[in-house]
Amino acid sequence: MFNRQKRNQFMPVTARLNGLRAWLLAGGLVALTSLSVHAEDRACTLEGKVNALGTLIDTKDCLVVMNAELPGARLKESCTALAQLAAVGGGGPAKVTYSEKCPSNPQAVCKHFMGQPVDYYYYRRDAELLEKTRKGCGQTGGTWWTP
């Protein structure tokens, strides 16, 4: 029988998204173009202009699954749900790319995003939004890392 901690490990990344924290962490993700995920794909990069808290921003974010036990279908499910959450804010369609890993040179990374075996990479954030994102990362169980 799974205990609660073990059961949470297999929850989709987005299962615990809520309110402003989710928007700050996911701010920049928008409607997702349907793409197939290959077995070796462990990451999805989302790029586009989106409405984040009332401001149009050019963003690039990447989600990477760190646990081989989580299948590619879970990655696509998580990316799709994050994209749908952002689209509610009025953003436009994003370019979505699935790959083996996230692009190099992020501004920062939220390790164990939402307490899950997932790291979330941030690119193209201004200082104010990056600081809000850092706070949101810590409040939701993640660990902030700056290269």
Protein backbone atom coordinates (compact mmCIF):
# COMPACT_ATOMS: atom_id res chain seq x y z
CA MET A 1 0.00 0.00 0.00
CA PHE A 2 1.33 3.45 -0.91
CA ASN A 3 1.81 5.94 1.85
CA ARG A 4 0.84 9.56 1.10
CA GLN A 5 4.40 10.65 0.24
CA LYS A 6 4.85 7.76 -2.20
CA ARG A 7 1.45 8.42 -3.78
CA ASN A 8 2.27 12.15 -4.25
CA GLN A 9 5.46 11.18 -6.09
CA PHE A 10 3.36 9.83 -8.95
CA MET A 11 0.87 12.72 -9.11
CA PRO A 12 1.10 14.89 -12.22
CA VAL A 13 3.16 18.01 -11.69
CA THR A 14 0.08 20.12 -12.17
CA ALA A 15 -2.10 18.23 -9.71
CA ARG A 16 -1.16 20.70 -6.98
CA LEU A 17 -1.12 23.90 -9.03
CA ASN A 18 -3.26 26.66 -7.58
CA GLY A 19 -3.84 30.37 -7.82
CA LEU A 20 -1.12 32.95 -8.00
CA ARG A 21 1.71 30.58 -7.10
CA ALA A 22 0.93 28.44 -10.11
CA TRP A 23 0.69 31.50 -12.35
CA LEU A 24 4.07 32.78 -11.14
CA LEU A 25 5.71 29.41 -11.65
CA ALA A 26 4.03 28.66 -14.92
CA GLY A 27 3.62 32.25 -16.11
CA GLY A 28 4.76 32.13 -19.66
CA LEU A 29 3.23 28.81 -20.64
CA VAL A 30 0.39 29.00 -23.13
CA ALA A 31 -1.77 26.86 -25.41
CA LEU A 32 0.06 23.75 -26.52
CA THR A 33 0.39 22.47 -30.06
CA SER A 34 -0.18 18.72 -30.18
CA LEU A 35 3.14 16.95 -30.64
CA SER A 36 4.15 13.36 -30.07
CA VAL A 37 6.51 12.52 -27.23
CA HIS A 38 9.26 9.99 -27.89
CA ALA A 39 10.42 7.56 -25.20
CA GLU A 40 13.72 9.42 -24.79
CA ASP A 41 12.02 12.81 -24.37
CA ARG A 42 12.24 13.94 -20.75
CA ALA A 43 11.70 17.69 -21.25
CA CYS A 44 9.37 20.19 -22.88
CA THR A 45 10.32 23.75 -23.74
CA LEU A 46 7.57 26.32 -24.16
CA GLU A 47 8.18 29.66 -25.87
CA GLY A 48 5.95 32.58 -26.76
CA LYS A 49 4.40 35.88 -25.81
CA VAL A 50 1.96 35.48 -22.93
CA ASN A 51 -0.06 37.55 -20.51
CA ALA A 52 1.50 37.11 -17.07
CA LEU A 53 -0.34 38.97 -14.32
CA GLY A 54 -1.61 41.58 -16.76
CA THR A 55 1.68 42.15 -18.57
CA LEU A 56 2.59 40.78 -22.00
CA ILE A 57 5.97 39.05 -21.73
CA ASP A 58 8.19 37.09 -24.09
CA THR A 59 9.01 33.90 -22.25
CA LYS A 60 10.83 30.62 -22.50
CA ASP A 61 10.45 27.93 -19.84
CA CYS A 62 11.37 24.25 -19.74
CA LEU A 63 10.10 21.38 -17.61
CA VAL A 64 12.28 18.27 -17.25
CA VAL A 65 11.27 15.00 -15.58
CA MET A 66 14.10 13.79 -13.33
CA ASN A 67 12.65 10.38 -12.46
CA ALA A 68 12.79 7.61 -15.07
CA GLU A 69 9.74 6.02 -13.43
CA LEU A 70 7.56 8.83 -14.76
CA PRO A 71 6.61 8.02 -18.36
CA GLY A 72 6.64 10.33 -21.38
CA ALA A 73 2.84 10.39 -21.26
CA ARG A 74 3.08 12.04 -17.84
CA LEU A 75 5.41 14.68 -19.30
CA LYS A 76 2.94 15.49 -22.07
CA GLU A 77 0.06 15.55 -19.57
CA SER A 78 1.94 17.98 -17.33
CA CYS A 79 3.00 20.26 -20.18
CA THR A 80 -0.52 20.30 -21.57
CA ALA A 81 -2.07 21.16 -18.20
CA LEU A 82 0.44 23.96 -17.56
CA ALA A 83 -0.21 25.34 -21.03
CA GLN A 84 -3.97 25.29 -20.46
CA LEU A 85 -3.54 27.09 -17.13
CA ALA A 86 -1.56 29.87 -18.80
CA ALA A 87 -4.00 30.11 -21.71
CA VAL A 88 -6.73 31.00 -19.20
CA GLY A 89 -4.78 34.24 -18.63
CA GLY A 90 -5.29 35.30 -22.23
CA GLY A 91 -1.95 34.28 -23.72
CA GLY A 92 -1.52 33.15 -27.30
CA PRO A 93 -0.21 29.85 -28.66
CA ALA A 94 3.30 28.80 -27.70
CA LYS A 95 5.92 26.88 -29.58
CA VAL A 96 6.36 23.58 -27.71
CA THR A 97 9.42 21.42 -28.22
CA TYR A 98 9.97 18.01 -26.63
CA SER A 99 13.56 16.93 -26.09
CA GLU A 100 15.92 14.83 -24.00
CA LYS A 101 16.91 17.78 -21.78
CA CYS A 102 16.30 21.49 -21.28
CA PRO A 103 18.35 24.08 -23.19
CA SER A 104 21.55 25.31 -21.55
CA ASN A 105 22.07 28.66 -19.82
CA PRO A 106 18.86 29.15 -17.83
CA GLN A 107 18.49 32.22 -15.63
CA ALA A 108 17.41 29.94 -12.78
CA VAL A 109 15.96 26.52 -11.97
CA CYS A 110 13.27 25.45 -9.49
CA LYS A 111 14.45 21.98 -8.50
CA HIS A 112 11.73 19.55 -7.37
CA PHE A 113 9.04 21.86 -8.80
CA MET A 114 5.86 21.60 -6.70
CA GLY A 115 7.59 18.89 -4.60
CA GLN A 116 7.71 16.53 -7.60
CA PRO A 117 10.64 14.77 -9.35
CA VAL A 118 10.67 17.59 -11.90
CA ASP A 119 12.97 20.58 -12.45
CA TYR A 120 11.63 23.77 -14.03
CA TYR A 121 14.05 25.99 -15.98
CA TYR A 122 13.46 29.71 -16.51
CA TYR A 123 14.75 31.86 -19.37
CA ARG A 124 13.80 35.39 -20.56
CA ARG A 125 12.47 36.70 -17.23
CA ASP A 126 12.90 40.28 -16.07
CA ALA A 127 14.31 40.80 -12.56
CA GLU A 128 10.91 41.45 -10.95
CA LEU A 129 9.20 38.37 -12.39
CA LEU A 130 12.25 36.21 -11.66
CA GLU A 131 12.14 37.29 -7.99
CA LYS A 132 8.40 36.49 -7.76
CA THR A 133 9.09 33.14 -9.37
CA ARG A 134 11.89 32.43 -6.85
CA LYS A 135 9.52 33.09 -3.94
CA GLY A 136 6.82 30.90 -5.48
CA CYS A 137 9.31 28.06 -5.97
CA GLY A 138 10.16 27.99 -2.26
CA GLN A 139 6.55 28.34 -1.15
CA THR A 140 5.52 25.26 -3.13
CA GLY A 141 8.28 22.92 -1.96
CA GLY A 142 10.91 23.56 -4.61
CA THR A 143 14.56 24.54 -4.20
CA TRP A 144 15.80 27.60 -6.13
CA TRP A 145 19.09 27.31 -7.98
CA THR A 146 20.89 30.01 -9.94
CA PRO A 147 23.79 28.97 -12.18
